[in-house]
PDB file of N, CA and C in Angstrom:
ATOM      1  N   MET A   1       8.045   5.347   0.942  1.00  0.00           N
ATOM      2  CA  MET A   1       7.792   3.988   1.662  1.00  0.00           C
ATOM      3  C   MET A   1       9.501   4.002   2.246  1.00  0.00           C
ATOM      4  N   ALA A   2       9.336   3.418   3.901  1.00  0.00           N
ATOM      5  CA  ALA A   2      10.579   3.303   4.225  1.00  0.00           C
ATOM      6  C   ALA A   2      10.998   2.115   3.946  1.00  0.00           C
ATOM      7  N   LYS A   3      12.523   1.900   3.750  1.00  0.00           N
ATOM      8  CA  LYS A   3      12.643   0.502   3.669  1.00  0.00           C
ATOM      9  C   LYS A   3      12.903  -0.150   5.075  1.00  0.00           C
ATOM     10  N   GLU A   4      12.426  -1.397   4.930  1.00  0.00           N
ATOM     11  CA  GLU A   4      12.448  -2.317   5.912  1.00  0.00           C
ATOM     12  C   GLU A   4      14.024  -2.956   6.151  1.00  0.00           C
ATOM     13  N   LYS A   5      14.692  -2.971   7.440  1.00  0.00           N
ATOM     14  CA  LYS A   5      16.049  -3.445   7.485  1.00  0.00           C
ATOM     15  C   LYS A   5      15.981  -4.901   7.504  1.00  0.00           C
ATOM     16  N   GLN A   6      16.656  -5.948   6.680  1.00  0.00           N
ATOM     17  CA  GLN A   6      16.954  -7.166   6.971  1.00  0.00           C
ATOM     18  C   GLN A   6      17.832  -7.177   8.104  1.00  0.00           C
ATOM     19  N   LEU A   7      17.395  -8.041   8.874  1.00  0.00           N
ATOM     20  CA  LEU A   7      18.005  -8.563  10.328  1.00  0.00           C
ATOM     21  C   LEU A   7      18.630 -10.079   9.773  1.00  0.00           C
ATOM     22  N   THR A   8      19.600 -10.706   9.872  1.00  0.00           N
ATOM     23  CA  THR A   8      19.913 -11.838   9.433  1.00  0.00           C
ATOM     24  C   THR A   8      20.855 -12.552  10.731  1.00  0.00           C
ATOM     25  N   LEU A   9      20.355 -13.662  10.590  1.00  0.00           N
ATOM     26  CA  LEU A   9      21.325 -14.375  11.907  1.00  0.00           C
ATOM     27  C   LEU A   9      22.337 -15.229  11.420  1.00  0.00           C
ATOM     28  N   LYS A  10      23.702 -14.818  11.987  1.00  0.00           N
ATOM     29  CA  LYS A  10      24.700 -15.558  11.248  1.00  0.00           C
ATOM     30  C   LYS A  10      25.257 -16.241  12.755  1.00  0.00           C
ATOM     31  N   PRO A  11      25.082 -17.485  12.710  1.00  0.00           N
ATOM     32  CA  PRO A  11      25.481 -18.376  14.168  1.00  0.00           C
ATOM     33  C   PRO A  11      26.883 -18.593  14.063  1.00  0.00           C
ATOM     34  N   LEU A  12      27.279 -18.818  15.163  1.00  0.00           N
ATOM     35  CA  LEU A  12      29.155 -18.812  15.429  1.00  0.00           C
ATOM     36  C   LEU A  12      29.330 -20.147  15.721  1.00  0.00           C
ATOM     37  N   ASP A  13      30.399 -20.770  15.558  1.00  0.00           N
ATOM     38  CA  ASP A  13      31.146 -22.261  15.929  1.00  0.00           C
ATOM     39  C   ASP A  13      29.775 -23.053  15.400  1.00  0.00           C
ATOM     40  N   ASP A  14      29.439 -24.056  16.198  1.00  0.00           N
ATOM     41  CA  ASP A  14      28.737 -25.185  15.811  1.00  0.00           C
ATOM     42  C   ASP A  14      27.317 -25.078  16.297  1.00  0.00           C
ATOM     43  N   ARG A  15      26.638 -23.795  15.967  1.00  0.00           N
ATOM     44  CA  ARG A  15      25.210 -23.230  16.321  1.00  0.00           C
ATOM     45  C   ARG A  15      24.632 -23.283  15.322  1.00  0.00           C
ATOM     46  N   VAL A  16      23.214 -23.810  15.201  1.00  0.00           N
ATOM     47  CA  VAL A  16      22.515 -23.876  14.312  1.00  0.00           C
ATOM     48  C   VAL A  16      21.350 -23.211  14.361  1.00  0.00           C
ATOM     49  N   VAL A  17      20.511 -22.206  13.135  1.00  0.00           N
ATOM     50  CA  VAL A  17      19.204 -21.525  13.422  1.00  0.00           C
ATOM     51  C   VAL A  17      18.353 -22.222  13.092  1.00  0.00           C
ATOM     52  N   VAL A  18      17.190 -22.607  13.603  1.00  0.00           N
ATOM     53  CA  VAL A  18      16.278 -23.668  13.276  1.00  0.00           C
ATOM     54  C   VAL A  18      14.878 -23.165  13.428  1.00  0.00           C
ATOM     55  N   GLU A  19      14.030 -22.897  12.197  1.00  0.00           N
ATOM     56  CA  GLU A  19      12.652 -22.314  12.197  1.00  0.00           C
ATOM     57  C   GLU A  19      11.763 -23.742  12.496  1.00  0.00           C
ATOM     58  N   PRO A  20      11.188 -23.777  13.671  1.00  0.00           N
ATOM     59  CA  PRO A  20      10.259 -24.482  14.057  1.00  0.00           C
ATOM     60  C   PRO A  20       9.111 -24.682  13.336  1.00  0.00           C
ATOM     61  N   LEU A  21       8.999 -26.216  13.083  1.00  0.00           N
ATOM     62  CA  LEU A  21       7.707 -26.219  12.136  1.00  0.00           C
ATOM     63  C   LEU A  21       6.440 -26.400  13.131  1.00  0.00           C
ATOM     64  N   ASP A  22       5.292 -25.901  12.469  1.00  0.00           N
ATOM     65  CA  ASP A  22       3.900 -25.796  13.286  1.00  0.00           C
ATOM     66  C   ASP A  22       3.453 -26.866  14.052  1.00  0.00           C
ATOM     67  N   ALA A  23       3.121 -27.003  15.345  1.00  0.00           N
ATOM     68  CA  ALA A  23       2.403 -27.929  16.024  1.00  0.00           C
ATOM     69  C   ALA A  23       1.348 -28.559  15.131  1.00  0.00           C
ATOM     70  N   GLU A  24       1.107 -30.034  15.390  1.00  0.00           N
ATOM     71  CA  GLU A  24      -0.109 -30.571  14.619  1.00  0.00           C
ATOM     72  C   GLU A  24      -1.178 -29.843  15.171  1.00  0.00           C
ATOM     73  N   GLU A  25      -2.261 -29.675  14.075  1.00  0.00           N
ATOM     74  CA  GLU A  25      -3.528 -29.081  14.485  1.00  0.00           C
ATOM     75  C   GLU A  25      -4.491 -30.612  14.786  1.00  0.00           C
ATOM     76  N   LYS A  26      -4.173 -31.738  14.144  1.00  0.00           N
ATOM     77  CA  LYS A  26      -5.219 -32.586  14.300  1.00  0.00           C
ATOM     78  C   LYS A  26      -4.562 -33.992  14.947  1.00  0.00           C
ATOM     79  N   THR A  27      -5.148 -34.981  15.470  1.00  0.00           N
ATOM     80  CA  THR A  27      -4.552 -35.921  15.800  1.00  0.00           C
ATOM     81  C   THR A  27      -4.718 -37.073  14.610  1.00  0.00           C
ATOM     82  N   SER A  28      -3.660 -38.290  14.648  1.00  0.00           N
ATOM     83  CA  SER A  28      -4.098 -39.184  13.890  1.00  0.00           C
ATOM     84  C   SER A  28      -5.196 -39.564  13.526  1.00  0.00           C
ATOM     85  N   GLY A  29      -6.320 -39.372  14.459  1.00  0.00           N
ATOM     86  CA  GLY A  29      -7.574 -39.929  14.398  1.00  0.00           C
ATOM     87  C   GLY A  29      -8.707 -38.809  14.172  1.00  0.00           C
ATOM     88  N   GLY A  30      -8.208 -37.538  13.783  1.00  0.00           N
ATOM     89  CA  GLY A  30      -8.872 -36.759  13.337  1.00  0.00           C
ATOM     90  C   GLY A  30      -9.558 -35.817  14.000  1.00  0.00           C
ATOM     91  N   ILE A  31      -9.136 -35.729  15.348  1.00  0.00           N
ATOM     92  CA  ILE A  31      -9.986 -34.757  16.286  1.00  0.00           C
ATOM     93  C   ILE A  31      -8.796 -33.542  16.489  1.00  0.00           C
ATOM     94  N   LEU A  32      -9.552 -32.501  16.431  1.00  0.00           N
ATOM     95  CA  LEU A  32      -8.912 -31.105  16.484  1.00  0.00           C
ATOM     96  C   LEU A  32      -8.141 -30.919  17.634  1.00  0.00           C
ATOM     97  N   LEU A  33      -7.092 -30.273  17.884  1.00  0.00           N
ATOM     98  CA  LEU A  33      -6.447 -29.957  19.207  1.00  0.00           C
ATOM     99  C   LEU A  33      -6.702 -28.636  19.286  1.00  0.00           C
ATOM    100  N   PRO A  34      -7.001 -27.999  20.548  1.00  0.00           N
ATOM    101  CA  PRO A  34      -6.947 -26.822  21.004  1.00  0.00           C
ATOM    102  C   PRO A  34      -5.813 -26.208  21.171  1.00  0.00           C
ATOM    103  N   ASP A  35      -5.423 -24.976  21.500  1.00  0.00           N
ATOM    104  CA  ASP A  35      -3.979 -24.426  21.547  1.00  0.00           C
ATOM    105  C   ASP A  35      -3.221 -25.180  22.785  1.00  0.00           C
ATOM    106  N   THR A  36      -4.361 -24.876  23.724  1.00  0.00           N
ATOM    107  CA  THR A  36      -3.463 -25.602  25.210  1.00  0.00           C
ATOM    108  C   THR A  36      -2.984 -26.775  25.161  1.00  0.00           C
ATOM    109  N   ALA A  37      -3.547 -27.884  23.841  1.00  0.00           N
ATOM    110  CA  ALA A  37      -3.293 -29.136  24.163  1.00  0.00           C
ATOM    111  C   ALA A  37      -2.233 -29.411  23.142  1.00  0.00           C
ATOM    112  N   LYS A  38      -1.908 -28.532  22.387  1.00  0.00           N
ATOM    113  CA  LYS A  38      -0.675 -28.669  21.165  1.00  0.00           C
ATOM    114  C   LYS A  38       0.507 -28.799  22.104  1.00  0.00           C
ATOM    115  N   GLN A  39       1.366 -29.671  21.743  1.00  0.00           N
ATOM    116  CA  GLN A  39       2.889 -29.937  22.107  1.00  0.00           C
ATOM    117  C   GLN A  39       3.935 -28.848  21.369  1.00  0.00           C
ATOM    118  N   LYS A  40       4.933 -28.884  22.143  1.00  0.00           N
ATOM    119  CA  LYS A  40       5.977 -27.858  21.378  1.00  0.00           C
ATOM    120  C   LYS A  40       6.315 -28.690  20.080  1.00  0.00           C
ATOM    121  N   PRO A  41       6.599 -27.959  19.133  1.00  0.00           N
ATOM    122  CA  PRO A  41       7.268 -28.618  18.108  1.00  0.00           C
ATOM    123  C   PRO A  41       8.605 -29.130  18.168  1.00  0.00           C
ATOM    124  N   GLN A  42       8.622 -30.254  17.926  1.00  0.00           N
ATOM    125  CA  GLN A  42      10.339 -30.795  18.107  1.00  0.00           C
ATOM    126  C   GLN A  42      10.857 -31.028  16.398  1.00  0.00           C
ATOM    127  N   GLN A  43      10.330 -30.488  15.551  1.00  0.00           N
ATOM    128  CA  GLN A  43      10.918 -30.623  14.129  1.00  0.00           C
ATOM    129  C   GLN A  43      10.828 -28.916  13.807  1.00  0.00           C
ATOM    130  N   GLY A  44      12.275 -29.104  12.968  1.00  0.00           N
ATOM    131  CA  GLY A  44      12.357 -27.592  12.438  1.00  0.00           C
ATOM    132  C   GLY A  44      13.080 -27.814  11.071  1.00  0.00           C
ATOM    133  N   LYS A  45      13.063 -26.605  10.417  1.00  0.00           N
ATOM    134  CA  LYS A  45      14.090 -26.313   9.251  1.00  0.00           C
ATOM    135  C   LYS A  45      15.349 -25.784   9.452  1.00  0.00           C
ATOM    136  N   VAL A  46      16.606 -26.102   8.905  1.00  0.00           N
ATOM    137  CA  VAL A  46      17.638 -25.304   9.309  1.00  0.00           C
ATOM    138  C   VAL A  46      17.469 -23.967   8.289  1.00  0.00           C
ATOM    139  N   VAL A  47      17.710 -23.138   8.908  1.00  0.00           N
ATOM    140  CA  VAL A  47      17.826 -21.934   7.903  1.00  0.00           C
ATOM    141  C   VAL A  47      19.337 -21.244   7.785  1.00  0.00           C
ATOM    142  N   ALA A  48      20.266 -21.404   8.907  1.00  0.00           N
ATOM    143  CA  ALA A  48      21.405 -20.994   8.769  1.00  0.00           C
ATOM    144  C   ALA A  48      22.321 -21.896   9.804  1.00  0.00           C
ATOM    145  N   VAL A  49      23.788 -21.960   9.359  1.00  0.00           N
ATOM    146  CA  VAL A  49      24.695 -23.002  10.267  1.00  0.00           C
ATOM    147  C   VAL A  49      25.815 -22.233  10.413  1.00  0.00           C
ATOM    148  N   GLY A  50      26.582 -22.445  11.404  1.00  0.00           N
ATOM    149  CA  GLY A  50      27.988 -21.644  12.120  1.00  0.00           C
ATOM    150  C   GLY A  50      28.969 -22.627  10.847  1.00  0.00           C
ATOM    151  N   PRO A  51      30.174 -22.130  11.042  1.00  0.00           N
ATOM    152  CA  PRO A  51      31.289 -22.430  10.446  1.00  0.00           C
ATOM    153  C   PRO A  51      31.827 -23.723  11.043  1.00  0.00           C
ATOM    154  N   GLY A  52      31.483 -24.277  12.162  1.00  0.00           N
ATOM    155  CA  GLY A  52      32.022 -25.321  12.496  1.00  0.00           C
ATOM    156  C   GLY A  52      32.879 -24.974  13.911  1.00  0.00           C
ATOM    157  N   ARG A  53      32.952 -25.931  14.642  1.00  0.00           N
ATOM    158  CA  ARG A  53      33.829 -25.403  15.929  1.00  0.00           C
ATOM    159  C   ARG A  53      35.202 -25.978  15.712  1.00  0.00           C
ATOM    160  N   LEU A  54      35.767 -25.148  16.545  1.00  0.00           N
ATOM    161  CA  LEU A  54      37.435 -25.461  16.391  1.00  0.00           C
ATOM    162  C   LEU A  54      38.058 -26.846  17.242  1.00  0.00           C
ATOM    163  N   ASN A  55      38.851 -27.361  16.423  1.00  0.00           N
ATOM    164  CA  ASN A  55      39.187 -28.645  17.385  1.00  0.00           C
ATOM    165  C   ASN A  55      40.293 -28.358  17.936  1.00  0.00           C
ATOM    166  N   ASP A  56      41.072 -28.986  18.562  1.00  0.00           N
ATOM    167  CA  ASP A  56      42.367 -28.605  19.487  1.00  0.00           C
ATOM    168  C   ASP A  56      43.534 -28.244  18.666  1.00  0.00           C
ATOM    169  N   LYS A  57      43.769 -28.882  17.072  1.00  0.00           N
ATOM    170  CA  LYS A  57      44.701 -28.341  16.380  1.00  0.00           C
ATOM    171  C   LYS A  57      44.205 -26.996  15.646  1.00  0.00           C
ATOM    172  N   GLY A  58      43.258 -26.531  15.810  1.00  0.00           N
ATOM    173  CA  GLY A  58      42.668 -25.245  15.684  1.00  0.00           C
ATOM    174  C   GLY A  58      42.292 -25.140  14.008  1.00  0.00           C
ATOM    175  N   THR A  59      41.457 -26.379  13.357  1.00  0.00           N
ATOM    176  CA  THR A  59      40.945 -26.516  12.246  1.00  0.00           C
ATOM    177  C   THR A  59      39.474 -26.567  12.401  1.00  0.00           C
ATOM    178  N   ARG A  60      38.760 -26.257  11.618  1.00  0.00           N
ATOM    179  CA  ARG A  60      37.256 -26.410  11.934  1.00  0.00           C
ATOM    180  C   ARG A  60      36.485 -27.551  11.160  1.00  0.00           C
ATOM    181  N   LEU A  61      35.732 -28.065  12.589  1.00  0.00           N
ATOM    182  CA  LEU A  61      35.353 -29.404  11.801  1.00  0.00           C
ATOM    183  C   LEU A  61      33.752 -29.152  11.421  1.00  0.00           C
ATOM    184  N   ALA A  62      33.452 -29.525  10.160  1.00  0.00           N
ATOM    185  CA  ALA A  62      32.230 -29.605   9.497  1.00  0.00           C
ATOM    186  C   ALA A  62      30.998 -29.821  10.208  1.00  0.00           C
ATOM    187  N   LEU A  63      30.133 -29.207  10.135  1.00  0.00           N
ATOM    188  CA  LEU A  63      28.756 -29.713  10.705  1.00  0.00           C
ATOM    189  C   LEU A  63      28.160 -30.720   9.674  1.00  0.00           C
ATOM    190  N   ALA A  64      27.140 -31.332  10.268  1.00  0.00           N
ATOM    191  CA  ALA A  64      26.679 -32.674   9.581  1.00  0.00           C
ATOM    192  C   ALA A  64      25.124 -32.206   9.090  1.00  0.00           C
ATOM    193  N   VAL A  65      24.714 -31.231   9.365  1.00  0.00           N
ATOM    194  CA  VAL A  65      23.551 -30.713   8.839  1.00  0.00           C
ATOM    195  C   VAL A  65      23.781 -29.346   7.938  1.00  0.00           C
ATOM    196  N   LYS A  66      22.850 -29.025   7.170  1.00  0.00           N
ATOM    197  CA  LYS A  66      23.027 -27.995   6.144  1.00  0.00           C
ATOM    198  C   LYS A  66      21.470 -27.190   6.057  1.00  0.00           C
ATOM    199  N   VAL A  67      21.890 -25.858   5.503  1.00  0.00           N
ATOM    200  CA  VAL A  67      20.560 -25.227   5.361  1.00  0.00           C
ATOM    201  C   VAL A  67      19.711 -25.940   4.523  1.00  0.00           C
ATOM    202  N   GLY A  68      18.074 -25.964   4.878  1.00  0.00           N
ATOM    203  CA  GLY A  68      17.404 -26.885   4.351  1.00  0.00           C
ATOM    204  C   GLY A  68      16.906 -28.164   4.595  1.00  0.00           C
ATOM    205  N   ASP A  69      17.841 -28.584   5.723  1.00  0.00           N
ATOM    206  CA  ASP A  69      17.513 -29.855   6.374  1.00  0.00           C
ATOM    207  C   ASP A  69      16.485 -29.822   7.402  1.00  0.00           C
ATOM    208  N   THR A  70      15.631 -30.928   7.236  1.00  0.00           N
ATOM    209  CA  THR A  70      14.515 -30.844   8.227  1.00  0.00           C
ATOM    210  C   THR A  70      15.125 -31.723   9.365  1.00  0.00           C
ATOM    211  N   VAL A  71      15.265 -31.448  10.743  1.00  0.00           N
ATOM    212  CA  VAL A  71      15.840 -31.788  11.801  1.00  0.00           C
ATOM    213  C   VAL A  71      15.064 -31.887  12.981  1.00  0.00           C
ATOM    214  N   LEU A  72      15.274 -33.098  14.220  1.00  0.00           N
ATOM    215  CA  LEU A  72      14.665 -33.267  15.388  1.00  0.00           C
ATOM    216  C   LEU A  72      15.279 -32.843  16.303  1.00  0.00           C
ATOM    217  N   PHE A  73      14.728 -32.169  17.548  1.00  0.00           N
ATOM    218  CA  PHE A  73      15.516 -31.729  18.638  1.00  0.00           C
ATOM    219  C   PHE A  73      14.908 -31.746  19.885  1.00  0.00           C
ATOM    220  N   GLY A  74      15.403 -31.859  21.077  1.00  0.00           N
ATOM    221  CA  GLY A  74      14.495 -31.875  22.020  1.00  0.00           C
ATOM    222  C   GLY A  74      13.462 -30.883  22.602  1.00  0.00           C
ATOM    223  N   LYS A  75      12.748 -31.413  23.182  1.00  0.00           N
ATOM    224  CA  LYS A  75      11.472 -30.377  23.419  1.00  0.00           C
ATOM    225  C   LYS A  75      11.971 -29.121  24.032  1.00  0.00           C
ATOM    226  N   TYR A  76      12.647 -29.038  24.855  1.00  0.00           N
ATOM    227  CA  TYR A  76      13.292 -27.866  25.466  1.00  0.00           C
ATOM    228  C   TYR A  76      14.615 -27.657  25.461  1.00  0.00           C
ATOM    229  N   GLY A  77      15.451 -28.014  24.305  1.00  0.00           N
ATOM    230  CA  GLY A  77      16.632 -27.621  23.712  1.00  0.00           C
ATOM    231  C   GLY A  77      17.032 -26.458  23.299  1.00  0.00           C
ATOM    232  N   GLY A  78      18.123 -25.914  23.231  1.00  0.00           N
ATOM    233  CA  GLY A  78      18.117 -24.276  22.466  1.00  0.00           C
ATOM    234  C   GLY A  78      17.815 -23.435  23.143  1.00  0.00           C
ATOM    235  N   SER A  79      17.876 -22.322  22.351  1.00  0.00           N
ATOM    236  CA  SER A  79      17.234 -20.968  22.821  1.00  0.00           C
ATOM    237  C   SER A  79      16.168 -20.300  22.008  1.00  0.00           C
ATOM    238  N   ASP A  80      15.194 -19.658  22.515  1.00  0.00           N
ATOM    239  CA  ASP A  80      14.226 -19.419  21.543  1.00  0.00           C
ATOM    240  C   ASP A  80      14.680 -17.795  21.455  1.00  0.00           C
ATOM    241  N   VAL A  81      14.681 -17.498  20.009  1.00  0.00           N
ATOM    242  CA  VAL A  81      14.650 -16.038  19.673  1.00  0.00           C
ATOM    243  C   VAL A  81      13.573 -15.439  18.706  1.00  0.00           C
ATOM    244  N   GLU A  82      13.035 -14.190  18.942  1.00  0.00           N
ATOM    245  CA  GLU A  82      12.289 -13.777  17.941  1.00  0.00           C
ATOM    246  C   GLU A  82      12.999 -12.711  17.038  1.00  0.00           C
ATOM    247  N   VAL A  83      12.793 -12.828  15.399  1.00  0.00           N
ATOM    248  CA  VAL A  83      13.714 -11.758  14.544  1.00  0.00           C
ATOM    249  C   VAL A  83      12.887 -11.363  13.786  1.00  0.00           C
ATOM    250  N   ASN A  84      12.242 -10.044  13.394  1.00  0.00           N
ATOM    251  CA  ASN A  84      11.516  -9.587  12.974  1.00  0.00           C
ATOM    252  C   ASN A  84       9.752 -10.268  12.726  1.00  0.00           C
ATOM    253  N   GLY A  85       9.547 -10.607  13.942  1.00  0.00           N
ATOM    254  CA  GLY A  85       8.241 -11.325  14.363  1.00  0.00           C
ATOM    255  C   GLY A  85       8.242 -12.825  14.071  1.00  0.00           C
ATOM    256  N   LYS A  86       9.270 -13.468  13.638  1.00  0.00           N
ATOM    257  CA  LYS A  86       9.204 -14.761  13.528  1.00  0.00           C
ATOM    258  C   LYS A  86       9.971 -15.444  14.540  1.00  0.00           C
ATOM    259  N   GLU A  87       9.671 -16.472  14.974  1.00  0.00           N
ATOM    260  CA  GLU A  87      10.188 -17.161  16.113  1.00  0.00           C
ATOM    261  C   GLU A  87      11.164 -18.193  15.379  1.00  0.00           C
ATOM    262  N   TYR A  88      12.553 -18.262  16.043  1.00  0.00           N
ATOM    263  CA  TYR A  88      13.538 -19.266  15.462  1.00  0.00           C
ATOM    264  C   TYR A  88      14.235 -20.047  17.023  1.00  0.00           C
ATOM    265  N   LYS A  89      14.977 -21.119  17.099  1.00  0.00           N
ATOM    266  CA  LYS A  89      15.443 -21.924  17.985  1.00  0.00           C
ATOM    267  C   LYS A  89      16.951 -21.704  17.574  1.00  0.00           C
ATOM    268  N   ILE A  90      18.090 -21.114  18.426  1.00  0.00           N
ATOM    269  CA  ILE A  90      19.266 -21.658  18.143  1.00  0.00           C
ATOM    270  C   ILE A  90      19.578 -22.649  18.798  1.00  0.00           C
ATOM    271  N   LEU A  91      20.261 -23.747  18.337  1.00  0.00           N
ATOM    272  CA  LEU A  91      20.806 -24.996  18.919  1.00  0.00           C
ATOM    273  C   LEU A  91      22.426 -25.344  18.412  1.00  0.00           C
ATOM    274  N   ARG A  92      22.863 -25.910  19.652  1.00  0.00           N
ATOM    275  CA  ARG A  92      24.367 -26.479  19.391  1.00  0.00           C
ATOM    276  C   ARG A  92      24.141 -27.629  18.177  1.00  0.00           C
ATOM    277  N   GLU A  93      25.025 -28.006  17.671  1.00  0.00           N
ATOM    278  CA  GLU A  93      24.898 -29.242  16.779  1.00  0.00           C
ATOM    279  C   GLU A  93      24.653 -30.319  17.607  1.00  0.00           C
ATOM    280  N   ALA A  94      25.348 -30.834  18.862  1.00  0.00           N
ATOM    281  CA  ALA A  94      25.175 -31.860  19.659  1.00  0.00           C
ATOM    282  C   ALA A  94      23.513 -31.844  20.305  1.00  0.00           C
ATOM    283  N   GLU A  95      22.864 -30.849  20.008  1.00  0.00           N
ATOM    284  CA  GLU A  95      21.452 -30.840  20.706  1.00  0.00           C
ATOM    285  C   GLU A  95      20.826 -31.169  19.754  1.00  0.00           C
ATOM    286  N   ILE A  96      20.885 -31.535  18.160  1.00  0.00           N
ATOM    287  CA  ILE A  96      20.366 -31.870  17.070  1.00  0.00           C
ATOM    288  C   ILE A  96      20.199 -33.430  17.551  1.00  0.00           C
ATOM    289  N   LEU A  97      19.165 -34.016  17.208  1.00  0.00           N
ATOM    290  CA  LEU A  97      18.718 -35.388  17.283  1.00  0.00           C
ATOM    291  C   LEU A  97      19.464 -36.283  16.536  1.00  0.00           C
ATOM    292  N   GLY A  98      18.301 -35.749  14.987  1.00  0.00           N
ATOM    293  CA  GLY A  98      18.893 -36.452  13.862  1.00  0.00           C
ATOM    294  C   GLY A  98      18.040 -35.711  12.744  1.00  0.00           C
ATOM    295  N   LYS A  99      18.415 -35.993  11.653  1.00  0.00           N
ATOM    296  CA  LYS A  99      17.667 -35.374  10.238  1.00  0.00           C
ATOM    297  C   LYS A  99      16.721 -36.228   9.912  1.00  0.00           C
ATOM    298  N   ILE A 100      15.427 -35.605   9.345  1.00  0.00           N
ATOM    299  CA  ILE A 100      14.768 -36.357   8.318  1.00  0.00           C
ATOM    300  C   ILE A 100      14.855 -36.687   7.291  1.00  0.00           C
ATOM    301  N   THR A 101      14.982 -37.577   6.652  1.00  0.00           N
ATOM    302  CA  THR A 101      15.386 -37.793   5.237  1.00  0.00           C
ATOM    303  C   THR A 101      13.977 -38.279   4.429  1.00  0.00           C
ATOM    304  N   LYS A 102      13.708 -37.693   3.082  1.00  0.00           N
ATOM    305  CA  LYS A 102      12.703 -38.222   2.460  1.00  0.00           C
ATOM    306  C   LYS A 102      12.890 -39.406   1.369  1.00  0.00           C
TER     307      LYS A 102
END
């Protein structure tokens, strides 16, 4: 068997790699939604973060999110990429609207 190469995403500066969560299959009333009626997911799980952006003095500013956080982002924000058959979204930290806490 041939070994499958592992491709890892390492974001630069203040970029964050997010794995979008699946769109809702049902409405709150229990109605099943067809694929055409599903909205683009606006929540996702952070899978990688960059080192932070450089400020004017040349020091790195820490990001407010970390790997494992669940975040909200704009419907059309970021860039969609596919790695090893999985969909990811690469966003700047400023494009993240908030963290979901439990």
